[in-house]
N, C-alpha and C. Protein backbone atom coordinates (compact mmCIF):
# COMPACT_ATOMS: atom_id res chain seq x y z
N MET A 1 47.25 34.84 -18.80
CA MET A 1 48.27 34.59 -17.78
C MET A 1 48.39 33.08 -17.55
N PRO A 2 49.59 32.60 -17.38
CA PRO A 2 49.77 31.16 -17.12
C PRO A 2 49.45 30.81 -15.67
N PHE A 3 49.06 29.56 -15.48
CA PHE A 3 48.84 29.06 -14.13
C PHE A 3 50.19 28.72 -13.51
N VAL A 4 50.32 28.97 -12.22
CA VAL A 4 51.56 28.72 -11.48
C VAL A 4 51.29 27.63 -10.45
N ARG A 5 52.17 26.65 -10.39
CA ARG A 5 52.07 25.57 -9.42
C ARG A 5 52.43 26.10 -8.04
N LEU A 6 51.54 25.88 -7.05
CA LEU A 6 51.75 26.46 -5.72
C LEU A 6 52.07 25.45 -4.63
N ALA A 7 51.30 24.37 -4.55
CA ALA A 7 51.50 23.39 -3.47
C ALA A 7 50.79 22.09 -3.82
N GLU A 8 51.26 21.02 -3.21
CA GLU A 8 50.60 19.73 -3.40
C GLU A 8 49.30 19.69 -2.62
N VAL A 9 48.29 19.10 -3.22
CA VAL A 9 46.98 18.96 -2.59
C VAL A 9 47.11 18.33 -1.20
N SER A 10 47.99 17.37 -1.06
CA SER A 10 48.15 16.65 0.21
C SER A 10 48.64 17.54 1.35
N GLN A 11 49.16 18.73 1.03
CA GLN A 11 49.66 19.64 2.07
C GLN A 11 48.54 20.43 2.75
N ILE A 12 47.33 20.37 2.20
CA ILE A 12 46.25 21.23 2.70
C ILE A 12 45.02 20.38 3.04
N PRO A 13 44.88 20.00 4.31
CA PRO A 13 43.71 19.21 4.72
C PRO A 13 42.41 20.00 4.55
N ALA A 14 41.29 19.31 4.58
CA ALA A 14 39.98 19.95 4.46
C ALA A 14 39.79 20.99 5.57
N GLU A 15 39.21 22.11 5.19
CA GLU A 15 38.92 23.24 6.08
C GLU A 15 40.18 23.82 6.74
N LYS A 16 41.27 23.79 5.98
CA LYS A 16 42.55 24.37 6.42
C LYS A 16 43.10 25.23 5.30
N SER A 17 44.21 25.91 5.59
CA SER A 17 44.83 26.77 4.58
C SER A 17 46.35 26.63 4.65
N LEU A 18 47.00 27.15 3.61
CA LEU A 18 48.46 27.14 3.53
C LEU A 18 48.90 28.45 2.91
N ALA A 19 49.78 29.17 3.60
CA ALA A 19 50.33 30.42 3.08
C ALA A 19 51.51 30.10 2.16
N VAL A 20 51.54 30.75 1.01
CA VAL A 20 52.63 30.58 0.03
C VAL A 20 52.93 31.94 -0.59
N GLU A 21 54.08 32.01 -1.25
CA GLU A 21 54.42 33.21 -2.03
C GLU A 21 54.71 32.78 -3.45
N ALA A 22 54.17 33.54 -4.39
CA ALA A 22 54.40 33.26 -5.81
C ALA A 22 54.13 34.54 -6.60
N GLY A 23 54.91 34.75 -7.62
CA GLY A 23 54.71 35.91 -8.46
C GLY A 23 54.78 37.23 -7.72
N GLY A 24 55.57 37.25 -6.64
CA GLY A 24 55.68 38.47 -5.84
C GLY A 24 54.48 38.75 -4.96
N LYS A 25 53.59 37.77 -4.82
CA LYS A 25 52.38 37.96 -4.01
C LYS A 25 52.36 36.99 -2.83
N LYS A 26 51.84 37.46 -1.71
CA LYS A 26 51.60 36.60 -0.55
C LYS A 26 50.19 36.05 -0.70
N LEU A 27 50.10 34.73 -0.85
CA LEU A 27 48.84 34.08 -1.15
C LEU A 27 48.43 33.12 -0.05
N LEU A 28 47.14 32.79 -0.05
CA LEU A 28 46.62 31.79 0.86
C LEU A 28 45.81 30.80 0.04
N ILE A 29 46.21 29.52 0.12
CA ILE A 29 45.45 28.45 -0.51
C ILE A 29 44.52 27.90 0.55
N CYS A 30 43.24 27.85 0.25
CA CYS A 30 42.26 27.34 1.20
C CYS A 30 41.55 26.13 0.60
N HIS A 31 41.33 25.13 1.44
CA HIS A 31 40.64 23.91 1.03
C HIS A 31 39.34 23.87 1.82
N SER A 32 38.23 24.14 1.16
CA SER A 32 36.95 24.19 1.85
C SER A 32 35.84 23.65 0.95
N LYS A 33 34.93 22.91 1.55
CA LYS A 33 33.79 22.34 0.83
C LYS A 33 34.24 21.53 -0.38
N GLY A 34 35.38 20.85 -0.26
CA GLY A 34 35.87 20.00 -1.33
C GLY A 34 36.55 20.73 -2.47
N GLU A 35 36.70 22.04 -2.36
CA GLU A 35 37.31 22.84 -3.41
C GLU A 35 38.58 23.52 -2.89
N PHE A 36 39.45 23.90 -3.83
CA PHE A 36 40.64 24.67 -3.48
C PHE A 36 40.47 26.09 -4.03
N TYR A 37 40.80 27.05 -3.19
CA TYR A 37 40.68 28.47 -3.54
C TYR A 37 42.02 29.14 -3.26
N VAL A 38 42.33 30.18 -4.02
CA VAL A 38 43.54 30.96 -3.79
C VAL A 38 43.12 32.43 -3.66
N VAL A 39 43.50 33.02 -2.52
CA VAL A 39 43.18 34.42 -2.24
C VAL A 39 44.45 35.13 -1.79
N ILE A 40 44.40 36.46 -1.81
CA ILE A 40 45.51 37.24 -1.28
C ILE A 40 45.54 37.02 0.23
N ASN A 41 46.72 36.92 0.82
CA ASN A 41 46.83 36.64 2.25
C ASN A 41 46.88 37.95 3.05
N LYS A 42 45.81 38.74 2.91
CA LYS A 42 45.75 40.01 3.65
C LYS A 42 44.30 40.44 3.81
N CYS A 43 43.91 40.72 5.03
CA CYS A 43 42.57 41.22 5.32
C CYS A 43 42.42 42.62 4.75
N SER A 44 41.30 42.90 4.11
CA SER A 44 41.08 44.22 3.53
C SER A 44 40.79 45.28 4.59
N HIS A 45 40.45 44.84 5.79
CA HIS A 45 40.15 45.78 6.87
C HIS A 45 41.37 46.10 7.70
N ALA A 46 42.06 45.07 8.15
CA ALA A 46 43.15 45.26 9.12
C ALA A 46 44.54 45.14 8.51
N ASP A 47 44.64 44.83 7.21
CA ASP A 47 45.94 44.60 6.57
C ASP A 47 46.76 43.54 7.29
N GLU A 48 46.08 42.60 7.90
CA GLU A 48 46.73 41.51 8.63
C GLU A 48 46.67 40.23 7.79
N PRO A 49 47.65 39.34 7.97
CA PRO A 49 47.60 38.06 7.26
C PRO A 49 46.38 37.24 7.68
N LEU A 50 45.83 36.50 6.73
CA LEU A 50 44.67 35.66 7.01
C LEU A 50 45.04 34.22 7.33
N ASP A 51 46.33 33.87 7.23
CA ASP A 51 46.70 32.46 7.35
C ASP A 51 46.47 31.85 8.72
N CYS A 52 46.25 32.62 9.76
CA CYS A 52 45.92 32.06 11.07
C CYS A 52 44.41 32.04 11.30
N GLY A 53 43.65 32.50 10.30
CA GLY A 53 42.20 32.54 10.44
C GLY A 53 41.55 31.21 10.14
N ARG A 54 40.32 31.06 10.63
CA ARG A 54 39.57 29.83 10.41
C ARG A 54 39.07 29.75 8.97
N VAL A 55 39.05 28.53 8.44
CA VAL A 55 38.47 28.25 7.13
C VAL A 55 37.30 27.31 7.38
N ARG A 56 36.11 27.73 6.96
CA ARG A 56 34.90 26.92 7.15
C ARG A 56 33.91 27.26 6.04
N GLY A 57 33.17 26.28 5.59
CA GLY A 57 32.01 26.50 4.74
C GLY A 57 32.16 27.49 3.60
N GLY A 58 33.34 27.55 2.98
CA GLY A 58 33.53 28.44 1.85
C GLY A 58 33.97 29.84 2.20
N TRP A 59 34.42 30.07 3.45
CA TRP A 59 34.92 31.37 3.85
C TRP A 59 36.19 31.26 4.68
N VAL A 60 36.91 32.37 4.78
CA VAL A 60 38.07 32.47 5.66
C VAL A 60 37.83 33.68 6.56
N ALA A 61 38.20 33.55 7.83
CA ALA A 61 37.99 34.63 8.80
C ALA A 61 39.32 35.26 9.17
N CYS A 62 39.32 36.57 9.28
CA CYS A 62 40.50 37.29 9.76
C CYS A 62 40.69 36.97 11.24
N PRO A 63 41.90 36.60 11.65
CA PRO A 63 42.12 36.24 13.05
C PRO A 63 42.10 37.45 13.99
N ILE A 64 42.15 38.66 13.48
CA ILE A 64 42.19 39.85 14.33
C ILE A 64 40.80 40.30 14.76
N HIS A 65 39.91 40.57 13.80
CA HIS A 65 38.59 41.09 14.13
C HIS A 65 37.45 40.17 13.72
N GLY A 66 37.76 39.04 13.12
CA GLY A 66 36.71 38.07 12.78
C GLY A 66 35.96 38.34 11.49
N ALA A 67 36.40 39.30 10.70
CA ALA A 67 35.74 39.55 9.42
C ALA A 67 35.88 38.30 8.54
N ARG A 68 34.80 37.94 7.89
CA ARG A 68 34.81 36.76 7.01
C ARG A 68 34.77 37.20 5.55
N PHE A 69 35.45 36.41 4.72
CA PHE A 69 35.51 36.67 3.29
C PHE A 69 35.13 35.41 2.53
N SER A 70 34.32 35.56 1.50
CA SER A 70 33.97 34.45 0.62
C SER A 70 35.22 34.01 -0.13
N LEU A 71 35.49 32.73 -0.11
CA LEU A 71 36.65 32.21 -0.84
C LEU A 71 36.40 32.22 -2.34
N ALA A 72 35.16 32.11 -2.76
CA ALA A 72 34.85 32.08 -4.18
C ALA A 72 34.91 33.46 -4.83
N THR A 73 34.46 34.48 -4.11
CA THR A 73 34.36 35.82 -4.71
C THR A 73 35.26 36.86 -4.04
N GLY A 74 35.72 36.58 -2.81
CA GLY A 74 36.50 37.55 -2.06
C GLY A 74 35.65 38.56 -1.32
N ALA A 75 34.34 38.52 -1.50
CA ALA A 75 33.45 39.50 -0.88
C ALA A 75 33.53 39.46 0.64
N ALA A 76 33.50 40.66 1.25
CA ALA A 76 33.42 40.75 2.71
C ALA A 76 32.02 40.31 3.11
N MET A 77 31.93 39.42 4.10
CA MET A 77 30.65 38.85 4.50
C MET A 77 30.08 39.50 5.76
N ASN A 78 30.91 40.18 6.54
CA ASN A 78 30.44 40.82 7.76
C ASN A 78 31.40 41.91 8.20
N PRO A 79 30.92 42.85 9.02
CA PRO A 79 31.81 43.90 9.55
C PRO A 79 32.87 43.28 10.44
N PRO A 80 33.98 43.94 10.64
CA PRO A 80 34.25 45.31 10.25
C PRO A 80 34.73 45.47 8.80
N ALA A 81 34.98 44.39 8.09
CA ALA A 81 35.44 44.50 6.70
C ALA A 81 34.30 44.93 5.78
N LYS A 82 34.61 45.80 4.86
CA LYS A 82 33.64 46.23 3.86
C LYS A 82 34.14 45.96 2.45
N GLU A 83 35.45 45.98 2.27
CA GLU A 83 36.06 45.78 0.96
C GLU A 83 36.39 44.30 0.75
N PRO A 84 36.31 43.83 -0.49
CA PRO A 84 36.66 42.43 -0.79
C PRO A 84 38.17 42.21 -0.75
N ILE A 85 38.54 40.94 -0.74
CA ILE A 85 39.95 40.57 -0.91
C ILE A 85 40.10 40.02 -2.32
N GLN A 86 41.33 40.05 -2.82
CA GLN A 86 41.59 39.57 -4.18
C GLN A 86 41.57 38.05 -4.23
N THR A 87 40.95 37.51 -5.25
CA THR A 87 40.92 36.07 -5.48
C THR A 87 41.61 35.78 -6.81
N PHE A 88 42.04 34.53 -6.97
CA PHE A 88 42.73 34.12 -8.19
C PHE A 88 42.12 32.82 -8.69
N PRO A 89 41.93 32.68 -10.01
CA PRO A 89 41.44 31.41 -10.54
C PRO A 89 42.38 30.27 -10.12
N ALA A 90 41.79 29.20 -9.62
CA ALA A 90 42.59 28.07 -9.13
C ALA A 90 42.10 26.78 -9.77
N ARG A 91 43.01 25.82 -9.84
CA ARG A 91 42.68 24.50 -10.36
C ARG A 91 43.63 23.49 -9.74
N VAL A 92 43.26 22.21 -9.86
CA VAL A 92 44.12 21.11 -9.42
C VAL A 92 44.55 20.34 -10.65
N VAL A 93 45.87 20.18 -10.81
CA VAL A 93 46.44 19.43 -11.93
C VAL A 93 47.50 18.48 -11.39
N ASP A 94 47.32 17.20 -11.65
CA ASP A 94 48.29 16.17 -11.24
C ASP A 94 48.64 16.26 -9.75
N GLY A 95 47.63 16.52 -8.91
CA GLY A 95 47.85 16.55 -7.47
C GLY A 95 48.42 17.85 -6.93
N TRP A 96 48.48 18.87 -7.76
CA TRP A 96 49.00 20.19 -7.36
C TRP A 96 47.92 21.25 -7.49
N VAL A 97 47.91 22.19 -6.55
CA VAL A 97 47.06 23.37 -6.67
C VAL A 97 47.82 24.40 -7.48
N GLU A 98 47.15 24.92 -8.51
CA GLU A 98 47.75 25.95 -9.35
C GLU A 98 46.82 27.16 -9.35
N ALA A 99 47.39 28.34 -9.55
CA ALA A 99 46.60 29.55 -9.63
C ALA A 99 47.07 30.41 -10.79
N GLU A 100 46.15 31.14 -11.36
CA GLU A 100 46.44 32.08 -12.42
C GLU A 100 46.71 33.43 -11.77
N LEU A 101 47.98 33.83 -11.78
CA LEU A 101 48.37 35.06 -11.10
C LEU A 101 48.48 36.21 -12.08
């Protein structure tokens, strides 16, 4: 699968996120611990968008119930979520965050 250009690095400050749509998917680009991650923008527990959730230390938290997900693996880190969220391979090229969708 080809990588798709999503957003400029400058649009996403450290420990913040940016919601985007690409390839028919609602995505969340997260900038944490000096890395950029791309995950599906939906909590596996509440089916709510994650874009209003906190990004810290390599995780994103659902703003509804506080479930945290690893940005690297998508794994649920605490209840009430039990199922992982989808992650996508991401890279930075020429100042842009790209993801393999």
